[in-house]
Amino acid sequence: MGRKTKKVAMTRGLGTRYGATVRKRYIKVVTEAKKTHKCPQCGAEAVTRVSVGVWNCKKCDVTFTGGAYTPVTKLGVVAKRQVKSLSSSES
């Protein structure tokens, strides 16, 4: 009898298709989207993804927008810093 191969967690439905690099990248993105994140308002580890770009904190019940797979993106951090520097220079 043939030896049974162990299936990789998130990519078990893909089988051997699409190549190893694409499957590894897919696992990284999906696990990041499914894990709980830190809330920007209350600081609790209770933020989960509602839909693409919409995040909700289960503790303080705040709903906010962010990235598709992470609540805070690098571009969002840069934009927030830019707005903050513009508003402080006007005062």
N, C-alpha and C. Protein backbone atom coordinates (compact mmCIF):
# COMPACT_ATOMS: atom_id res chain seq x y z
N MET A 1 0.83 -1.18 0.00
CA MET A 1 0.00 0.00 0.00
C MET A 1 0.87 1.25 0.00
N GLY A 2 0.36 2.27 -0.62
CA GLY A 2 1.07 3.53 -0.66
C GLY A 2 1.00 4.25 0.68
N ARG A 3 1.98 5.09 0.87
CA ARG A 3 2.05 5.86 2.11
C ARG A 3 1.15 7.08 2.01
N LYS A 4 0.39 7.35 3.07
CA LYS A 4 -0.50 8.50 3.07
C LYS A 4 0.30 9.76 3.40
N THR A 5 0.10 10.81 2.63
CA THR A 5 0.84 12.04 2.90
C THR A 5 0.04 12.93 3.84
N LYS A 6 0.78 13.70 4.62
CA LYS A 6 0.16 14.62 5.56
C LYS A 6 -0.25 15.88 4.80
N LYS A 7 -1.48 16.31 4.97
CA LYS A 7 -1.97 17.50 4.29
C LYS A 7 -1.66 18.74 5.12
N VAL A 8 -1.30 19.82 4.44
CA VAL A 8 -1.00 21.06 5.12
C VAL A 8 -2.31 21.73 5.52
N ALA A 9 -2.33 22.33 6.70
CA ALA A 9 -3.53 22.86 7.34
C ALA A 9 -4.46 23.64 6.41
N MET A 10 -4.12 24.84 6.05
CA MET A 10 -5.02 25.70 5.29
C MET A 10 -5.12 25.31 3.82
N THR A 11 -4.10 24.68 3.30
CA THR A 11 -4.07 24.39 1.86
C THR A 11 -4.49 22.96 1.54
N ARG A 12 -5.13 22.30 2.47
CA ARG A 12 -5.48 20.89 2.23
C ARG A 12 -6.40 20.73 1.03
N GLY A 13 -7.20 21.73 0.72
CA GLY A 13 -8.10 21.65 -0.41
C GLY A 13 -7.42 21.89 -1.74
N LEU A 14 -6.21 22.47 -1.71
CA LEU A 14 -5.51 22.78 -2.95
C LEU A 14 -4.70 21.61 -3.48
N GLY A 15 -4.33 20.68 -2.60
CA GLY A 15 -3.53 19.54 -3.02
C GLY A 15 -2.14 19.96 -3.45
N THR A 16 -1.68 19.47 -4.59
CA THR A 16 -0.34 19.81 -5.07
C THR A 16 -0.37 20.93 -6.10
N ARG A 17 -1.51 21.53 -6.29
CA ARG A 17 -1.63 22.57 -7.32
C ARG A 17 -1.04 23.91 -6.88
N TYR A 18 -0.74 24.75 -7.82
CA TYR A 18 -0.33 26.15 -7.69
C TYR A 18 1.09 26.38 -7.20
N GLY A 19 1.82 25.37 -6.79
CA GLY A 19 3.21 25.52 -6.38
C GLY A 19 3.36 25.81 -4.90
N ALA A 20 4.51 25.46 -4.36
CA ALA A 20 4.77 25.57 -2.92
C ALA A 20 4.79 27.02 -2.45
N THR A 21 5.38 27.91 -3.22
CA THR A 21 5.51 29.31 -2.82
C THR A 21 4.15 29.97 -2.69
N VAL A 22 3.28 29.73 -3.64
CA VAL A 22 1.94 30.33 -3.60
C VAL A 22 1.15 29.76 -2.42
N ARG A 23 1.27 28.47 -2.16
CA ARG A 23 0.56 27.87 -1.03
C ARG A 23 1.06 28.42 0.30
N LYS A 24 2.37 28.62 0.43
CA LYS A 24 2.93 29.19 1.66
C LYS A 24 2.45 30.62 1.88
N ARG A 25 2.41 31.40 0.80
CA ARG A 25 1.93 32.78 0.89
C ARG A 25 0.45 32.81 1.27
N TYR A 26 -0.32 31.88 0.71
CA TYR A 26 -1.75 31.77 1.02
C TYR A 26 -1.96 31.44 2.50
N ILE A 27 -1.17 30.51 3.03
CA ILE A 27 -1.27 30.15 4.46
C ILE A 27 -0.98 31.36 5.32
N LYS A 28 0.05 32.13 4.98
CA LYS A 28 0.43 33.31 5.75
C LYS A 28 -0.70 34.34 5.79
N VAL A 29 -1.31 34.60 4.65
CA VAL A 29 -2.38 35.59 4.56
C VAL A 29 -3.62 35.14 5.32
N VAL A 30 -4.02 33.89 5.14
CA VAL A 30 -5.24 33.40 5.77
C VAL A 30 -5.10 33.31 7.28
N THR A 31 -3.97 32.85 7.78
CA THR A 31 -3.79 32.78 9.23
C THR A 31 -3.75 34.17 9.85
N GLU A 32 -3.17 35.13 9.16
CA GLU A 32 -3.14 36.51 9.65
C GLU A 32 -4.55 37.09 9.72
N ALA A 33 -5.39 36.78 8.75
CA ALA A 33 -6.75 37.31 8.72
C ALA A 33 -7.62 36.67 9.79
N LYS A 34 -7.39 35.40 10.12
CA LYS A 34 -8.24 34.69 11.06
C LYS A 34 -7.87 34.90 12.52
N LYS A 35 -6.64 35.29 12.82
CA LYS A 35 -6.23 35.44 14.22
C LYS A 35 -6.81 36.73 14.81
N THR A 36 -6.83 36.79 16.15
CA THR A 36 -7.33 38.00 16.81
C THR A 36 -6.21 39.03 16.88
N HIS A 37 -6.59 40.30 16.77
CA HIS A 37 -5.63 41.39 16.76
C HIS A 37 -5.90 42.34 17.91
N LYS A 38 -4.97 43.27 18.12
CA LYS A 38 -5.09 44.26 19.19
C LYS A 38 -5.99 45.41 18.75
N CYS A 39 -6.92 45.79 19.63
CA CYS A 39 -7.85 46.88 19.33
C CYS A 39 -7.15 48.23 19.45
N PRO A 40 -7.31 49.12 18.47
CA PRO A 40 -6.69 50.44 18.56
C PRO A 40 -7.35 51.35 19.59
N GLN A 41 -8.59 51.02 20.00
CA GLN A 41 -9.31 51.86 20.94
C GLN A 41 -9.09 51.43 22.40
N CYS A 42 -9.35 50.16 22.70
CA CYS A 42 -9.26 49.70 24.09
C CYS A 42 -7.99 48.90 24.37
N GLY A 43 -7.28 48.44 23.35
CA GLY A 43 -6.03 47.71 23.53
C GLY A 43 -6.18 46.23 23.80
N ALA A 44 -7.40 45.71 23.78
CA ALA A 44 -7.62 44.29 24.04
C ALA A 44 -7.34 43.46 22.79
N GLU A 45 -6.97 42.21 22.98
CA GLU A 45 -6.75 41.27 21.88
C GLU A 45 -8.10 40.66 21.50
N ALA A 46 -8.98 41.46 20.93
CA ALA A 46 -10.34 40.99 20.65
C ALA A 46 -10.86 41.41 19.29
N VAL A 47 -9.99 41.87 18.41
CA VAL A 47 -10.43 42.34 17.10
C VAL A 47 -10.46 41.17 16.12
N THR A 48 -11.60 40.97 15.49
CA THR A 48 -11.75 39.93 14.49
C THR A 48 -12.28 40.53 13.19
N ARG A 49 -12.08 39.83 12.10
CA ARG A 49 -12.48 40.31 10.79
C ARG A 49 -13.95 40.00 10.54
N VAL A 50 -14.71 41.02 10.15
CA VAL A 50 -16.12 40.85 9.82
C VAL A 50 -16.26 40.52 8.34
N SER A 51 -15.66 41.34 7.49
CA SER A 51 -15.62 41.11 6.06
C SER A 51 -14.37 41.80 5.52
N VAL A 52 -14.22 41.88 4.23
CA VAL A 52 -13.01 42.45 3.64
C VAL A 52 -12.85 43.91 4.07
N GLY A 53 -11.82 44.18 4.87
CA GLY A 53 -11.53 45.54 5.30
C GLY A 53 -12.35 46.03 6.46
N VAL A 54 -13.27 45.24 7.01
CA VAL A 54 -14.10 45.66 8.14
C VAL A 54 -13.73 44.80 9.34
N TRP A 55 -13.39 45.45 10.46
CA TRP A 55 -12.93 44.79 11.67
C TRP A 55 -13.80 45.20 12.85
N ASN A 56 -13.97 44.30 13.82
CA ASN A 56 -14.82 44.57 14.97
C ASN A 56 -14.13 44.08 16.24
N CYS A 57 -14.16 44.92 17.28
CA CYS A 57 -13.63 44.53 18.59
C CYS A 57 -14.78 43.95 19.40
N LYS A 58 -14.58 42.74 19.91
CA LYS A 58 -15.64 42.08 20.67
C LYS A 58 -15.77 42.66 22.07
N LYS A 59 -14.72 43.32 22.59
CA LYS A 59 -14.77 43.87 23.94
C LYS A 59 -15.49 45.21 23.99
N CYS A 60 -15.02 46.19 23.20
CA CYS A 60 -15.62 47.53 23.25
C CYS A 60 -16.64 47.75 22.14
N ASP A 61 -16.84 46.75 21.29
CA ASP A 61 -17.84 46.76 20.22
C ASP A 61 -17.66 47.92 19.23
N VAL A 62 -16.41 48.30 18.98
CA VAL A 62 -16.15 49.32 17.97
C VAL A 62 -15.89 48.62 16.63
N THR A 63 -16.47 49.13 15.56
CA THR A 63 -16.27 48.61 14.22
C THR A 63 -15.51 49.66 13.43
N PHE A 64 -14.46 49.23 12.75
CA PHE A 64 -13.63 50.17 12.00
C PHE A 64 -13.13 49.50 10.73
N THR A 65 -12.58 50.32 9.84
CA THR A 65 -12.04 49.79 8.59
C THR A 65 -10.53 49.70 8.69
N GLY A 66 -9.98 48.80 7.92
CA GLY A 66 -8.54 48.60 7.90
C GLY A 66 -8.16 47.92 6.60
N GLY A 67 -7.13 47.12 6.67
CA GLY A 67 -6.71 46.38 5.49
C GLY A 67 -7.60 45.18 5.25
N ALA A 68 -7.41 44.54 4.13
CA ALA A 68 -8.22 43.37 3.79
C ALA A 68 -7.90 42.19 4.69
N TYR A 69 -6.64 42.01 5.06
CA TYR A 69 -6.23 40.86 5.86
C TYR A 69 -5.68 41.22 7.22
N THR A 70 -5.34 42.49 7.45
CA THR A 70 -4.88 42.97 8.75
C THR A 70 -5.61 44.26 9.08
N PRO A 71 -5.88 44.51 10.35
CA PRO A 71 -6.61 45.73 10.70
C PRO A 71 -5.81 47.01 10.46
N VAL A 72 -4.48 46.92 10.56
CA VAL A 72 -3.63 48.09 10.35
C VAL A 72 -2.63 47.76 9.25
N THR A 73 -2.59 48.61 8.22
CA THR A 73 -1.63 48.42 7.13
C THR A 73 -0.50 49.42 7.23
N LYS A 74 0.60 49.15 6.55
CA LYS A 74 1.74 50.07 6.57
C LYS A 74 1.36 51.41 5.95
N LEU A 75 0.58 51.37 4.88
CA LEU A 75 0.14 52.59 4.22
C LEU A 75 -0.77 53.41 5.13
N GLY A 76 -1.62 52.73 5.89
CA GLY A 76 -2.51 53.41 6.83
C GLY A 76 -1.74 54.11 7.93
N VAL A 77 -0.68 53.49 8.43
CA VAL A 77 0.16 54.09 9.47
C VAL A 77 0.84 55.35 8.94
N VAL A 78 1.35 55.27 7.71
CA VAL A 78 2.01 56.43 7.09
C VAL A 78 1.01 57.57 6.89
N ALA A 79 -0.18 57.25 6.42
CA ALA A 79 -1.21 58.27 6.19
C ALA A 79 -1.62 58.94 7.50
N LYS A 80 -1.78 58.15 8.56
CA LYS A 80 -2.16 58.71 9.87
C LYS A 80 -1.08 59.64 10.40
N ARG A 81 0.19 59.24 10.21
CA ARG A 81 1.31 60.07 10.64
C ARG A 81 1.34 61.38 9.86
N GLN A 82 1.06 61.32 8.56
CA GLN A 82 1.05 62.49 7.71
C GLN A 82 -0.05 63.47 8.13
N VAL A 83 -1.25 62.95 8.39
CA VAL A 83 -2.37 63.80 8.81
C VAL A 83 -2.06 64.45 10.15
N LYS A 84 -1.45 63.68 11.06
CA LYS A 84 -1.11 64.20 12.38
C LYS A 84 -0.10 65.34 12.28
N SER A 85 0.90 65.19 11.41
CA SER A 85 1.92 66.24 11.25
C SER A 85 1.32 67.49 10.58
N LEU A 86 0.39 67.29 9.65
CA LEU A 86 -0.26 68.42 9.00
C LEU A 86 -1.14 69.20 9.98
N SER A 87 -1.87 68.48 10.82
CA SER A 87 -2.78 69.15 11.76
C SER A 87 -2.00 69.86 12.87
N SER A 88 -0.85 69.32 13.26
CA SER A 88 -0.06 69.97 14.31
C SER A 88 0.69 71.20 13.78
N SER A 89 1.03 71.22 12.50
CA SER A 89 1.74 72.36 11.91
C SER A 89 0.79 73.54 11.66
N GLU A 90 -0.52 73.27 11.52
CA GLU A 90 -1.50 74.34 11.30
C GLU A 90 -1.80 75.11 12.58
N SER A 91 -1.64 74.48 13.71
CA SER A 91 -1.98 75.11 15.00
C SER A 91 -1.03 76.19 15.40
